[in-house]
Every structure is written in structure tokens, then in C-alpha cells.
Amino acid sequence: MGENESTEENKKAEDELIKQSICPVCKAKLKHTEGCLECAACGWSLCLEA
């Protein structure tokens, strides 16, 4: 049970960083490109479906 709670907390923290256009991996600024969020520093990306 504790592990699931910590995973849920991590997901919420990651979502908050993404909302602020901050990379959840390396904390660099994210760039919006063709419907995706991309990090030029580490290569992390998230594409949102329309």
C-alpha cells in the first residue's frame, strides 16, 4: 500500500512540473513542438493526443 501511495505522489509531482513546462527528469524548460512537450536537455518528451 505504501508503494502505491508514493507512486501516486510522484505522478502528481511530475504532472505539476509538466503543467509548468518543466522537465520531470532534468528540470530544464520544456518546449512545445507540434502537439508535444520536449526537453532539449535530456530528450524527454510527451505527446498529447487531440
Protein backbone atom coordinates (compact mmCIF):
# COMPACT_ATOMS: atom_id res chain seq x y z
CA MET A 1 0.00 0.00 0.00
CA GLY A 2 2.77 2.46 0.82
CA GLU A 3 4.45 1.90 -2.54
CA ASN A 4 1.26 2.78 -4.45
CA GLU A 5 0.85 5.98 -2.44
CA SER A 6 4.41 7.05 -3.19
CA THR A 7 3.93 6.25 -6.90
CA GLU A 8 0.75 8.35 -6.92
CA GLU A 9 2.55 11.23 -5.19
CA ASN A 10 5.39 11.02 -7.72
CA LYS A 11 2.88 11.13 -10.59
CA LYS A 12 1.20 14.22 -9.10
CA ALA A 13 4.57 15.94 -8.68
CA GLU A 14 5.54 15.03 -12.27
CA ASP A 15 2.20 16.34 -13.60
CA GLU A 16 2.70 19.63 -11.74
CA LEU A 17 6.16 20.10 -13.27
CA ILE A 18 4.80 19.34 -16.74
CA LYS A 19 2.00 21.92 -16.26
CA GLN A 20 4.74 24.45 -15.51
CA SER A 21 6.68 23.40 -18.66
CA ILE A 22 9.49 21.93 -16.57
CA CYS A 23 11.07 18.58 -17.47
CA PRO A 24 10.27 15.99 -14.77
CA VAL A 25 13.61 14.24 -15.44
CA CYS A 26 16.23 17.01 -15.53
CA LYS A 27 14.16 20.11 -14.55
CA ALA A 28 15.04 22.02 -17.76
CA LYS A 29 12.47 24.14 -19.60
CA LEU A 30 10.15 22.17 -21.92
CA LYS A 31 9.45 23.28 -25.47
CA HIS A 32 6.05 22.87 -27.17
CA THR A 33 6.50 21.32 -30.62
CA GLU A 34 3.69 20.04 -32.86
CA GLY A 35 1.43 18.94 -30.01
CA CYS A 36 4.29 17.54 -27.93
CA LEU A 37 6.31 18.74 -24.99
CA GLU A 38 10.02 18.14 -25.50
CA CYS A 39 13.15 18.65 -23.43
CA ALA A 40 16.19 19.68 -25.46
CA ALA A 41 18.48 18.94 -22.49
CA CYS A 42 17.72 15.23 -21.89
CA GLY A 43 15.38 14.18 -24.71
CA TRP A 44 12.30 13.52 -22.56
CA SER A 45 9.03 14.04 -24.46
CA LEU A 46 5.29 13.75 -24.05
CA CYS A 47 2.87 13.94 -26.95
CA LEU A 48 -0.74 14.77 -26.24
CA GLU A 49 -3.48 13.18 -28.28
CA ALA A 50 -6.01 15.52 -29.89
